[in-house]
Protein backbone atom coordinates (compact mmCIF):
# COMPACT_ATOMS: atom_id res chain seq x y z
CA THR A 1 -38.68 -25.30 12.08
CA ASP A 2 -41.32 -27.37 13.82
CA SER A 3 -41.23 -30.07 11.15
CA GLU A 4 -39.65 -33.13 12.40
CA GLY A 5 -38.64 -34.22 8.84
CA THR A 6 -37.05 -30.85 8.19
CA SER A 7 -35.24 -31.04 11.46
CA ALA A 8 -33.82 -34.45 10.60
CA ALA A 9 -32.90 -33.28 7.14
CA TRP A 10 -30.98 -30.24 8.61
CA ARG A 11 -29.08 -32.41 11.07
CA SER A 12 -28.03 -34.66 8.21
CA LEU A 13 -26.78 -31.72 6.15
CA LEU A 14 -24.77 -30.45 9.32
CA ARG A 15 -23.53 -33.93 9.97
CA ALA A 16 -22.31 -34.60 6.48
CA ALA A 17 -20.63 -31.16 6.28
CA ALA A 18 -18.71 -32.02 9.50
CA LEU A 19 -17.51 -35.33 8.09
CA THR A 20 -15.85 -34.02 5.02
CA ASN A 21 -14.10 -31.31 6.97
CA GLU A 22 -10.43 -30.45 7.77
CA ALA A 23 -11.07 -28.26 10.78
CA VAL A 24 -9.14 -29.38 13.82
CA ARG A 25 -10.87 -29.38 17.21
CA LEU A 26 -8.68 -28.75 20.33
CA GLN A 27 -10.17 -29.45 23.64
CA HIS A 28 -9.33 -27.16 26.59
CA ASP A 29 -9.16 -28.36 30.25
CA ASP A 30 -12.29 -26.33 31.02
CA GLY A 31 -14.30 -28.27 28.36
CA ARG A 32 -14.20 -25.54 25.74
CA THR A 33 -13.42 -26.48 22.13
CA ARG A 34 -11.22 -24.33 19.91
CA TYR A 35 -11.21 -24.73 16.14
CA GLU A 36 -8.28 -24.20 13.82
CA GLY A 37 -8.08 -24.47 10.04
CA ASP A 38 -9.78 -23.04 6.91
CA ALA A 39 -12.45 -20.61 7.90
CA VAL A 40 -15.20 -22.29 5.91
CA ASP A 41 -14.43 -25.71 7.58
CA VAL A 42 -14.31 -24.22 10.95
CA ALA A 43 -17.68 -22.52 10.42
CA MET A 44 -19.22 -25.72 9.25
CA ALA A 45 -17.73 -27.80 12.08
CA ARG A 46 -18.84 -25.26 14.63
CA ALA A 47 -22.43 -25.30 13.28
CA ALA A 48 -22.56 -29.06 13.44
CA ASP A 49 -21.34 -29.17 16.96
CA SER A 50 -23.74 -26.34 18.08
CA ALA A 51 -26.60 -28.45 16.85
CA ASP A 52 -25.42 -31.70 18.12
CA ALA A 53 -25.44 -33.08 14.75
CA VAL A 54 -22.31 -35.03 14.98
CA GLU A 55 -20.98 -37.40 17.60
CA ASP A 56 -17.49 -38.37 18.53
CA ALA A 57 -18.00 -41.83 17.02
CA ASP A 58 -18.73 -40.21 13.72
CA LEU A 59 -15.64 -37.99 13.76
CA HIS A 60 -13.41 -40.83 14.67
CA SER A 61 -14.74 -43.26 12.08
CA ASP A 62 -12.25 -44.74 9.68
CA ILE A 63 -11.45 -42.59 6.66
CA VAL A 64 -11.19 -44.96 3.68
CA HIS A 65 -10.48 -42.14 1.08
CA GLU A 66 -10.18 -38.42 1.23
CA THR A 67 -10.00 -35.72 -1.61
CA PRO A 68 -9.06 -32.25 -0.03
CA TYR A 69 -10.52 -29.25 -1.54
CA GLU A 70 -8.86 -27.94 -4.70
CA PRO A 71 -9.94 -24.90 -6.74
CA GLU A 72 -9.86 -26.95 -9.88
CA LEU A 73 -12.25 -29.60 -8.46
CA ARG A 74 -14.35 -27.17 -6.34
CA TYR A 75 -15.26 -29.90 -3.91
CA SER A 76 -13.84 -31.92 -1.01
CA MET A 77 -14.76 -35.56 -0.38
CA THR A 78 -14.44 -38.17 2.21
CA ILE A 79 -15.48 -41.84 2.34
CA ARG A 80 -15.87 -43.19 5.82
CA ARG A 81 -16.61 -46.54 7.27
CA ASP A 82 -19.28 -46.55 10.00
CA ALA A 83 -19.13 -48.79 13.07
CA ASP A 84 -21.42 -51.30 11.26
CA GLY A 85 -19.08 -51.38 8.20
CA THR A 86 -21.29 -49.20 5.93
CA LEU A 87 -19.34 -47.02 3.56
CA THR A 88 -20.72 -43.47 3.04
CA GLN A 89 -19.39 -40.82 0.63
CA TYR A 90 -19.64 -37.21 1.83
CA VAL A 91 -19.02 -34.30 -0.56
CA LYS A 92 -19.22 -30.53 -0.10
CA GLY A 93 -18.26 -27.77 -2.32
CA ALA A 94 -19.57 -25.26 -4.96
CA PRO A 95 -23.35 -25.67 -5.49
CA ASP A 96 -23.22 -25.89 -9.26
CA SER A 97 -20.54 -28.59 -9.00
CA ILE A 98 -22.55 -30.56 -6.34
CA ILE A 99 -25.74 -30.18 -8.06
CA ALA A 100 -24.17 -31.70 -11.33
CA MET A 101 -23.09 -34.66 -9.21
CA SER A 102 -26.64 -35.28 -7.59
CA THR A 103 -29.50 -37.35 -8.86
CA SER A 104 -31.75 -37.03 -5.72
CA MET A 105 -32.37 -34.53 -3.07
CA ILE A 106 -34.21 -34.16 0.22
CA ASP A 107 -37.50 -32.22 0.14
CA ASP A 108 -38.98 -30.00 2.88
CA GLY A 109 -40.60 -33.06 4.41
CA GLY A 110 -37.43 -35.04 4.62
CA ALA A 111 -38.38 -37.40 1.76
CA ARG A 112 -35.99 -38.18 -1.11
CA VAL A 113 -37.04 -36.96 -4.48
CA ASP A 114 -35.57 -36.34 -7.96
CA VAL A 115 -33.08 -33.39 -7.89
CA ASP A 116 -34.54 -30.04 -8.95
CA ALA A 117 -31.57 -28.58 -10.52
CA GLU A 118 -33.30 -25.38 -11.81
CA GLY A 119 -34.67 -24.75 -8.31
CA LEU A 120 -31.47 -25.30 -6.56
CA HIS A 121 -29.61 -23.03 -8.96
CA ALA A 122 -32.06 -20.30 -8.36
CA MET A 123 -31.74 -20.74 -4.59
CA ASN A 124 -28.03 -20.48 -4.96
CA MET A 125 -28.45 -17.19 -6.93
CA ARG A 126 -30.79 -15.77 -4.33
CA MET A 127 -28.34 -16.49 -1.49
CA GLY A 128 -25.39 -15.20 -3.39
CA GLU A 129 -27.12 -11.94 -4.16
CA LYS A 130 -27.19 -11.47 -0.42
CA GLY A 131 -23.49 -11.76 -0.29
CA LEU A 132 -23.53 -15.21 1.24
CA ARG A 133 -20.81 -17.65 0.55
CA VAL A 134 -22.86 -20.78 -0.29
CA ILE A 135 -21.52 -24.24 0.25
CA ALA A 136 -23.52 -27.35 -0.93
CA VAL A 137 -23.45 -30.76 0.75
CA ALA A 138 -24.48 -34.27 -0.59
CA SER A 139 -23.72 -37.92 0.23
CA ARG A 140 -24.51 -41.40 -0.80
CA THR A 141 -24.07 -44.95 0.57
CA ILE A 142 -21.49 -47.11 -1.33
CA ALA A 143 -22.92 -50.59 -1.80
CA SER A 144 -19.52 -52.56 -1.41
CA GLU A 145 -15.86 -52.35 -1.38
CA ALA A 146 -15.81 -53.06 -5.16
CA ASP A 147 -17.42 -49.74 -5.91
CA LEU A 148 -14.78 -47.77 -4.17
CA ASP A 149 -12.81 -46.93 -7.37
CA ASP A 150 -15.86 -45.65 -8.99
CA ALA A 151 -16.67 -43.47 -5.90
CA ILE A 152 -13.47 -41.47 -6.14
CA ASN A 153 -15.17 -39.47 -8.91
CA PRO A 154 -18.37 -38.51 -7.06
CA SER A 155 -21.76 -39.05 -8.91
CA GLY A 156 -25.20 -40.27 -8.08
CA LEU A 157 -25.25 -38.29 -4.91
CA CYS A 158 -28.24 -37.23 -2.78
CA PHE A 159 -28.24 -33.47 -2.38
CA LEU A 160 -28.65 -32.62 1.26
CA GLY A 161 -28.82 -28.82 1.19
CA VAL A 162 -26.70 -25.74 1.46
CA GLU A 163 -25.09 -23.62 4.14
CA GLY A 164 -24.84 -19.97 3.61
CA MET A 165 -21.99 -17.96 5.39
CA LEU A 166 -21.69 -14.32 5.80
CA ASP A 167 -18.21 -12.94 6.07
CA PRO A 168 -18.86 -9.27 6.74
CA PRO A 169 -16.07 -6.89 5.93
CA ARG A 170 -14.01 -5.53 8.88
CA PRO A 171 -14.85 -2.14 10.10
CA GLY A 172 -13.15 0.50 8.09
CA VAL A 173 -12.53 -1.62 5.04
CA ARG A 174 -15.07 0.26 2.78
CA GLU A 175 -13.42 3.60 3.93
CA ALA A 176 -9.92 2.14 3.30
CA ILE A 177 -10.82 1.12 -0.24
CA GLU A 178 -12.12 4.59 -0.90
CA ASP A 179 -8.88 6.07 0.40
CA CYS A 180 -6.93 3.63 -1.93
CA ARG A 181 -9.05 5.07 -4.87
CA LYS A 182 -8.16 8.65 -3.86
CA ALA A 183 -4.56 7.58 -3.69
CA GLY A 184 -4.67 6.32 -7.22
CA ILE A 185 -4.68 2.58 -6.10
CA GLU A 186 -7.18 0.45 -7.80
CA VAL A 187 -8.52 -2.46 -5.67
CA LYS A 188 -9.44 -5.63 -7.37
CA MET A 189 -11.08 -8.65 -5.72
CA ILE A 190 -10.03 -12.13 -6.89
CA THR A 191 -12.17 -14.99 -5.38
CA GLY A 192 -13.20 -18.51 -5.88
CA ASP A 193 -16.83 -17.54 -4.96
CA HIS A 194 -19.73 -17.42 -7.32
CA PRO A 195 -19.81 -14.18 -9.46
CA VAL A 196 -23.13 -13.23 -7.89
CA THR A 197 -21.77 -13.47 -4.38
CA ALA A 198 -18.55 -11.67 -5.44
CA LYS A 199 -20.62 -8.85 -6.85
CA ALA A 200 -22.67 -8.48 -3.80
CA ILE A 201 -19.55 -8.25 -1.61
CA GLY A 202 -17.93 -5.91 -4.13
CA ASP A 203 -20.98 -3.63 -3.86
CA ARG A 204 -20.85 -3.74 -0.22
CA LEU A 205 -17.10 -2.73 -0.18
CA GLY A 206 -17.66 0.02 -2.66
CA LEU A 207 -15.61 -1.53 -5.39
CA SER A 208 -16.03 0.08 -8.81
CA HIS A 209 -16.95 -1.82 -12.06
CA THR A 210 -18.79 -4.79 -10.20
CA ASP A 211 -21.37 -5.41 -12.85
CA ASP A 212 -19.08 -7.26 -15.31
CA ALA A 213 -17.07 -9.69 -13.18
CA ILE A 214 -14.70 -11.86 -15.04
CA THR A 215 -14.74 -15.57 -14.44
CA GLY A 216 -12.01 -18.32 -14.68
CA ALA A 217 -14.17 -19.93 -17.46
CA GLU A 218 -14.29 -16.63 -19.41
CA MET A 219 -10.46 -16.19 -18.97
CA LEU A 220 -9.91 -19.48 -20.81
CA THR A 221 -11.42 -18.01 -23.94
CA LEU A 222 -9.36 -14.65 -23.87
CA ASP A 223 -5.78 -14.10 -25.11
CA ASP A 224 -3.45 -11.83 -23.17
CA GLU A 225 -4.58 -8.64 -24.97
CA GLN A 226 -8.27 -9.29 -24.39
CA LEU A 227 -7.64 -10.20 -20.85
CA ARG A 228 -5.85 -6.94 -20.12
CA SER A 229 -8.74 -5.12 -21.83
CA ARG A 230 -11.31 -6.88 -19.50
CA LEU A 231 -9.24 -6.27 -16.39
CA ARG A 232 -9.26 -2.48 -17.21
CA LYS A 233 -13.22 -2.58 -17.04
CA THR A 234 -13.83 -4.70 -13.97
CA SER A 235 -12.82 -4.93 -10.41
CA ILE A 236 -13.85 -8.51 -9.63
CA ALA A 237 -12.62 -11.90 -10.75
CA ALA A 238 -14.66 -14.82 -9.54
CA ARG A 239 -14.41 -18.59 -9.77
CA VAL A 240 -10.74 -18.44 -10.57
CA SER A 241 -8.07 -21.05 -10.04
CA PRO A 242 -4.52 -20.30 -8.84
CA GLN A 243 -3.30 -20.29 -12.51
CA ASP A 244 -5.94 -17.67 -13.25
CA LYS A 245 -4.70 -15.48 -10.25
CA LEU A 246 -1.20 -15.70 -11.64
CA ARG A 247 -2.23 -14.85 -15.06
CA ILE A 248 -4.13 -11.76 -13.76
CA VAL A 249 -1.08 -10.62 -11.89
CA GLU A 250 1.14 -10.98 -14.96
CA ALA A 251 -1.37 -9.32 -17.20
CA LEU A 252 -1.57 -6.16 -14.95
CA GLN A 253 2.18 -6.15 -14.75
CA ASP A 254 2.50 -6.24 -18.55
CA GLU A 255 0.28 -3.06 -18.50
CA GLY A 256 3.06 -1.38 -16.48
CA GLU A 257 1.23 -1.65 -13.18
CA THR A 258 2.86 -2.24 -9.86
CA VAL A 259 0.83 -5.04 -8.41
CA ALA A 260 0.35 -5.96 -4.72
CA VAL A 261 -1.34 -9.27 -3.86
CA THR A 262 -2.85 -10.27 -0.69
CA GLY A 263 -3.40 -14.06 0.09
CA ASP A 264 -3.43 -16.68 2.88
CA GLY A 265 -3.38 -20.10 1.27
CA VAL A 266 -1.14 -22.47 -0.51
CA ASN A 267 -2.93 -21.80 -3.77
CA ASP A 268 -2.15 -18.03 -3.35
CA ALA A 269 1.64 -18.63 -3.31
CA PRO A 270 2.31 -18.38 -7.15
CA ALA A 271 0.54 -14.99 -7.34
CA LEU A 272 2.22 -13.79 -4.25
CA LYS A 273 5.68 -14.76 -5.53
CA ALA A 274 4.97 -13.13 -8.96
CA ALA A 275 3.59 -9.87 -7.46
CA SER A 276 5.52 -6.62 -7.13
CA VAL A 277 4.64 -6.81 -3.42
CA GLY A 278 3.23 -10.13 -1.97
CA ILE A 279 1.33 -9.62 1.28
CA SER A 280 0.37 -12.70 3.31
CA MET A 281 -1.84 -13.03 6.30
CA GLY A 282 -0.02 -13.58 9.58
CA GLU A 283 -2.95 -14.94 11.57
CA SER A 284 -4.77 -17.16 9.04
CA GLY A 285 -2.18 -17.50 6.58
CA THR A 286 -0.25 -20.79 5.67
CA ASP A 287 3.48 -21.11 5.99
CA VAL A 288 3.74 -21.50 2.26
CA ALA A 289 2.04 -18.13 1.76
CA ARG A 290 4.21 -16.42 4.24
CA GLU A 291 7.34 -17.78 2.62
CA ALA A 292 6.24 -16.63 -0.89
CA SER A 293 5.25 -13.10 0.28
CA ASP A 294 7.34 -10.00 0.85
CA VAL A 295 5.29 -8.67 3.75
CA VAL A 296 3.35 -10.45 6.47
CA LEU A 297 0.23 -8.68 7.67
CA THR A 298 0.15 -9.57 11.46
CA ASP A 299 -3.49 -8.48 11.98
CA ASP A 300 -4.91 -9.77 8.63
CA ASN A 301 -6.62 -6.43 8.18
CA PHE A 302 -6.83 -4.56 4.80
CA VAL A 303 -6.91 -1.29 6.72
CA THR A 304 -3.50 -1.78 7.80
CA ILE A 305 -2.30 -1.93 4.24
CA THR A 306 -3.80 1.50 3.62
CA LYS A 307 -2.19 2.92 6.72
CA ALA A 308 1.14 1.41 5.57
CA VAL A 309 0.83 3.09 2.13
CA ALA A 310 0.17 6.46 3.98
CA GLN A 311 3.12 6.02 6.29
CA GLY A 312 5.31 4.98 3.40
CA ARG A 313 4.54 8.15 1.60
CA VAL A 314 5.18 10.30 4.80
CA THR A 315 8.56 8.53 5.13
CA PHE A 316 9.41 9.01 1.36
CA LYS A 317 8.37 12.66 1.56
CA ALA A 318 10.77 13.24 4.53
CA ILE A 319 13.58 11.54 2.61
CA ARG A 320 12.87 13.67 -0.51
CA GLY A 321 12.72 16.83 1.64
CA SER A 322 16.15 16.12 3.09
CA ALA A 323 17.63 15.44 -0.29
CA PHE A 324 16.21 18.58 -1.78
CA PHE A 325 17.61 20.54 1.11
CA LEU A 326 21.01 19.19 0.86
CA LEU A 327 21.20 19.34 -2.81
CA SER A 328 20.00 22.93 -3.11
CA THR A 329 22.43 24.25 -0.43
CA ALA A 330 25.25 22.14 -1.96
CA VAL A 331 24.54 23.65 -5.37
CA ALA A 332 24.74 27.24 -3.89
CA ALA A 333 28.03 26.44 -2.11
CA MET A 334 29.49 24.78 -5.26
CA ILE A 335 28.52 27.78 -7.52
CA ALA A 336 29.82 30.28 -5.07
CA VAL A 337 33.01 28.51 -4.36
CA GLY A 338 33.51 27.53 -7.98
CA VAL A 339 33.02 31.04 -9.38
CA ASN A 340 35.11 32.57 -6.52
CA VAL A 341 38.11 30.28 -7.41
CA VAL A 342 38.27 31.37 -11.02
CA SER A 343 37.63 35.05 -10.28
CA GLU A 344 40.14 37.57 -8.86
CA MET A 345 38.32 37.95 -5.58
CA PRO A 346 39.93 36.80 -2.29
CA LEU A 347 39.13 33.30 -1.11
CA LEU A 348 35.36 33.11 -0.33
CA PHE A 349 35.33 30.33 2.47
CA MET A 350 38.19 28.78 4.40
CA PRO A 351 38.20 24.88 4.39
CA LEU A 352 37.36 24.93 8.17
CA GLN A 353 34.33 27.29 7.57
CA MET A 354 32.89 24.93 5.04
CA LEU A 355 33.27 22.05 7.55
CA TRP A 356 31.63 24.24 10.10
CA ILE A 357 28.65 24.66 7.64
CA ASN A 358 28.34 20.99 7.15
CA ILE A 359 28.45 20.01 10.76
CA VAL A 360 26.37 22.86 12.48
CA THR A 361 23.62 23.42 9.95
CA ASN A 362 23.36 20.82 7.25
CA GLY A 363 24.33 17.94 9.40
CA VAL A 364 21.63 18.73 11.97
CA GLN A 365 18.82 20.10 9.79
CA ASP A 366 18.69 17.33 7.30
CA ILE A 367 18.40 14.72 10.05
CA ALA A 368 15.61 16.84 11.68
CA LEU A 369 13.71 16.95 8.43
CA ALA A 370 13.38 13.09 8.71
CA PHE A 371 11.06 13.68 11.72
CA GLU A 372 8.55 15.72 9.48
CA PRO A 373 5.20 14.26 10.11
CA GLY A 374 2.43 13.68 7.63
CA GLN A 375 0.20 16.38 6.68
CA GLY A 376 -2.95 14.32 6.23
CA ASP A 377 -3.10 14.60 2.33
CA GLU A 378 -0.78 11.53 1.68
CA LEU A 379 -3.67 9.61 0.24
CA ASP A 380 -5.17 12.42 -1.80
CA ARG A 381 -2.23 12.25 -4.33
CA PRO A 382 -1.60 9.75 -7.02
CA PRO A 383 1.42 7.59 -7.00
CA ARG A 384 4.62 8.83 -8.43
CA ARG A 385 5.73 7.70 -11.82
CA ARG A 386 7.86 4.45 -11.87
CA THR A 387 10.54 6.60 -13.87
CA GLU A 388 10.66 9.35 -11.28
CA GLY A 389 13.62 9.23 -9.10
CA LEU A 390 14.32 10.52 -5.52
CA LEU A 391 13.45 14.07 -6.54
CA SER A 392 10.66 15.14 -8.95
CA SER A 393 11.11 17.23 -11.98
CA ALA A 394 9.65 20.07 -9.96
CA LEU A 395 12.19 19.66 -7.15
CA TRP A 396 15.03 19.38 -9.52
CA GLY A 397 13.98 22.63 -11.12
CA ARG A 398 13.58 24.28 -7.73
CA THR A 399 16.92 22.94 -6.73
CA ALA A 400 18.62 24.55 -9.72
CA VAL A 401 16.90 27.86 -9.38
CA CYS A 402 17.24 28.26 -5.55
CA GLY A 403 20.87 26.98 -5.54
CA LEU A 404 21.76 29.41 -8.41
CA TRP A 405 20.25 32.22 -6.60
CA MET A 406 21.81 31.58 -3.26
CA GLY A 407 25.30 31.05 -4.94
CA VAL A 408 24.89 34.39 -6.87
CA ALA A 409 23.60 36.26 -3.70
CA ILE A 410 26.59 35.03 -1.72
CA LEU A 411 29.04 36.18 -4.36
CA VAL A 412 27.31 39.48 -4.79
CA VAL A 413 27.39 40.33 -0.97
CA PHE A 414 30.99 39.26 -0.79
CA ARG A 415 32.11 41.43 -3.71
CA PHE A 416 30.07 44.35 -2.39
CA MET A 417 31.71 44.19 0.99
CA ILE A 418 35.22 43.94 -0.55
CA ASP A 419 34.48 46.90 -2.91
CA ARG A 420 33.23 48.95 0.18
CA GLY A 421 36.41 48.52 1.95
CA TYR A 422 35.63 45.81 4.53
CA ASP A 423 38.37 43.46 5.30
CA VAL A 424 38.32 39.85 4.07
CA LEU A 425 37.50 38.47 7.64
CA ALA A 426 34.43 40.59 7.92
CA ALA A 427 33.24 39.72 4.41
CA ARG A 428 33.77 36.06 5.06
CA THR A 429 31.81 36.25 8.28
CA MET A 430 29.05 38.10 6.46
CA VAL A 431 28.57 35.54 3.63
CA LEU A 432 29.16 32.61 6.00
CA THR A 433 26.27 33.84 8.11
CA LEU A 434 24.21 34.50 4.88
CA LEU A 435 24.90 30.76 3.84
CA VAL A 436 23.67 29.68 7.34
CA LEU A 437 20.52 31.68 7.11
CA PHE A 438 19.87 30.46 3.49
CA ASN A 439 20.07 26.92 5.05
CA PHE A 440 17.59 27.90 7.67
CA PHE A 441 15.01 28.96 5.24
CA MET A 442 15.59 26.20 2.77
CA ALA A 443 15.08 23.65 5.57
CA MET A 444 11.71 25.27 6.37
CA SER A 445 10.79 25.25 2.68
CA ALA A 446 11.73 21.60 2.23
CA ARG A 447 9.16 20.44 4.68
CA SER A 448 6.59 20.29 1.92
CA GLU A 449 6.98 19.93 -1.81
CA THR A 450 3.64 21.52 -2.60
CA LYS A 451 2.37 23.29 0.49
CA SER A 452 3.65 26.84 1.29
CA VAL A 453 6.05 27.18 4.33
CA PHE A 454 3.65 29.90 5.57
CA ARG A 455 0.80 27.26 5.74
CA VAL A 456 2.75 24.62 7.53
CA ASN A 457 2.50 24.60 11.33
CA PRO A 458 6.09 25.36 12.61
CA LEU A 459 5.41 23.37 15.67
CA ALA A 460 4.40 20.30 13.83
CA ASN A 461 8.06 19.20 13.60
CA PRO A 462 9.62 20.56 16.98
CA VAL A 463 12.85 18.66 16.19
CA LEU A 464 13.51 20.66 13.03
CA LEU A 465 12.48 23.92 14.65
CA VAL A 466 14.75 23.35 17.76
CA ALA A 467 17.59 22.05 15.54
CA SER A 468 17.41 25.10 13.35
CA LEU A 469 17.28 27.61 16.16
CA VAL A 470 20.11 25.94 17.99
CA ALA A 471 22.25 25.97 14.85
CA LEU A 472 21.72 29.63 14.46
CA ALA A 473 22.40 30.28 18.07
CA VAL A 474 25.66 28.13 17.92
CA HIS A 475 26.80 29.97 14.89
CA ALA A 476 26.02 33.42 16.30
CA GLY A 477 27.76 32.44 19.66
CA ALA A 478 30.84 31.24 17.87
CA MET A 479 31.56 34.65 16.31
CA TYR A 480 31.26 36.41 19.68
CA VAL A 481 33.48 33.84 21.63
CA PRO A 482 37.08 34.97 20.87
CA VAL A 483 38.56 31.65 20.79
CA MET A 484 35.93 30.13 18.46
CA ALA A 485 36.02 33.28 16.31
CA SER A 486 39.74 33.00 15.91
CA VAL A 487 39.68 29.34 15.07
CA LEU A 488 36.80 29.71 12.54
CA GLY A 489 38.19 32.95 10.99
CA MET A 490 35.17 35.00 12.02
CA THR A 491 34.52 38.39 13.51
CA PRO A 492 31.49 39.83 15.35
CA MET A 493 28.81 41.36 13.18
CA THR A 494 26.79 44.51 13.67
CA GLY A 495 23.09 44.82 14.02
CA ALA A 496 22.76 46.35 10.49
CA GLN A 497 24.83 43.48 9.04
CA TRP A 498 22.61 40.98 10.78
CA ALA A 499 19.52 42.64 9.40
CA ALA A 500 21.09 42.73 5.91
CA CYS A 501 21.70 39.02 6.10
CA TRP A 502 18.32 38.16 7.23
CA GLY A 503 16.81 40.40 4.41
CA VAL A 504 18.91 38.78 1.73
CA ALA A 505 18.32 35.17 3.03
CA LEU A 506 14.58 35.71 2.88
CA THR A 507 14.87 36.29 -0.74
CA VAL A 508 15.31 32.66 -1.46
CA LEU A 509 11.60 31.95 -0.36
CA VAL A 510 10.55 34.11 -3.26
CA PHE A 511 11.93 31.45 -5.64
CA SER A 512 11.00 28.29 -3.56
CA GLU A 513 7.48 29.40 -2.41
CA GLY A 514 6.91 31.22 -5.66
CA ASP A 515 7.58 27.95 -7.54
CA LYS A 516 5.03 26.14 -5.28
CA ALA A 517 2.53 28.95 -5.78
CA ILE A 518 2.71 28.89 -9.55
CA ARG A 519 2.56 25.17 -9.86
CA ALA A 520 -0.55 25.10 -7.50
CA PHE A 521 -2.25 27.79 -9.68
CA LEU A 522 -1.45 25.88 -12.91
CA ALA A 523 -2.73 22.70 -11.26
CA ARG A 524 -6.07 24.42 -10.27
CA ARG A 525 -6.47 25.81 -13.70
CA GLY A 526 -5.82 22.33 -15.18
CA HIS A 527 -2.92 23.39 -17.44
CA ASP A 528 -1.13 20.25 -18.83
CA SER A 529 1.69 22.66 -19.82
CA ALA A 530 2.82 23.46 -16.19
CA ARG A 531 5.98 21.52 -16.59
CA SER A 532 7.02 23.25 -19.78
CA GLY A 533 6.07 26.60 -18.42
CA MET A 534 8.19 26.07 -15.31
CA ARG A 535 10.98 25.04 -17.49
CA ALA A 536 10.68 28.23 -19.59
CA LEU A 537 10.60 30.30 -16.38
CA ALA A 538 13.72 28.58 -15.07
CA ARG A 539 15.56 29.18 -18.35
CA ARG A 540 14.66 32.86 -18.26
CA LEU A 541 15.70 33.12 -14.60
CA ARG A 542 19.05 31.42 -15.46
CA ARG A 543 19.73 33.71 -18.27
CA THR A 544 19.04 36.78 -16.08
CA ILE A 545 21.21 35.52 -13.27
CA ILE A 546 24.02 34.65 -15.56
CA GLY A 547 23.85 38.05 -16.99
CA MET A 548 24.14 39.54 -13.40
CA ILE A 549 27.22 37.41 -12.74
CA ARG A 550 28.87 38.50 -16.03
CA THR A 551 28.10 42.27 -15.24
CA GLU A 552 29.46 41.97 -11.62
CA GLY A 553 32.55 40.19 -12.94
CA ARG A 554 33.27 43.22 -15.28
């Protein structure tokens, strides 16, 4: 502005904001100044220094009394003694609080007039609608030492003006919030800002339900049930205290939600401690917040949280795939060996052969499954239920069906060869190889719970591919090396036998991949009865296979 009065008023505003300020100035040898502390204090201190509104003598004046900012107070206050002995009170904080403490204000020409509360509130609303964090500043001169006790509770101030600060979201945050929504994660913003400011920021971030923000004052009138109902309808809580944050966390947890809280200040510590996952800021966070949290975010970036969720789901998927692979093949071996022991057939596997299977195939392929990369759809699926264990109900059913089929197939092939006059050594070699091939195909199927093995790039997990092929090669080589074949109780197989083993082993994909296809079809059709339908199908298959076992036994 070209107005001398307005320029003086502006400098008075910046000076007062810098004199009730906890930002720390650190001087470098090259003359540059670095600021540390709360982001709001740093911004206001930097603005005052840039405009040369505050001098070193002002910053080093004696502080007679100081009240740091607290959410309950919604202002900070400092009483300073100037060089001439004058006592001046400087206050900054939420505009509505500072307006209520003020009796006068500085007009556009720099003159002192009666405070226009209505006009100031309207100005605060206009700035808040732009997404600005608005901080008001006021001051007054204290007549004498005798008035200090009364000055501790600010009143009769001269309203100097406001500073509006824009804290734009980091690149990618809006997209990260949208990814969270697709992943079944609802993002809520809890802030001490004015509801209008919070709504503008929420709209900018793409938060849902931003028109009915809940405030700390409203929360005081709500019981726990009413609060839970309001939280289901809004994504923003504004003008809240630390106690309000804690109550929100507990209310969401009472709803059965898994709640993660991010925070950086001392006032965030109770909510961080109570949350299912407390996430503190590593760069701007306080030591208290970091100690109360479970995770420290080193880059202070919300996008990193979304990436961590995706990577966590990739890791869990790999663990689940390995567990499914091991359990299904273990069920097959258990059924085959168990039935064989109680039947009149020769011993199915020698102990050393079972050890060979565990080392050469299972022990290698389950580790290789842990290297399975993400498929890019990790954030397109809702979170698993809290009651769901390592394996989903779908995988438990698939484990039972595939394990049962593999076990029956091994028994049928073994009995077939014995009945056709093959010696026990050849029959054992045949079924041992069949089990190795079953493991090979189950490892490939275990790479994805929902996506068909024929749609998954085999080169995406080269570790698994190489491990599986090497395991097959080692097993095949062992039966053709006389010393190894003798130790393991194997004999070389003919080409026809190899082809038969490959053909029978492929049948397990009918069950594993067929289960995926049926579930995908039912999901696309929107059938809620998918689980009951699959259970019915599993029961029918089980009855059929048990009937086959009984017939074969007779």
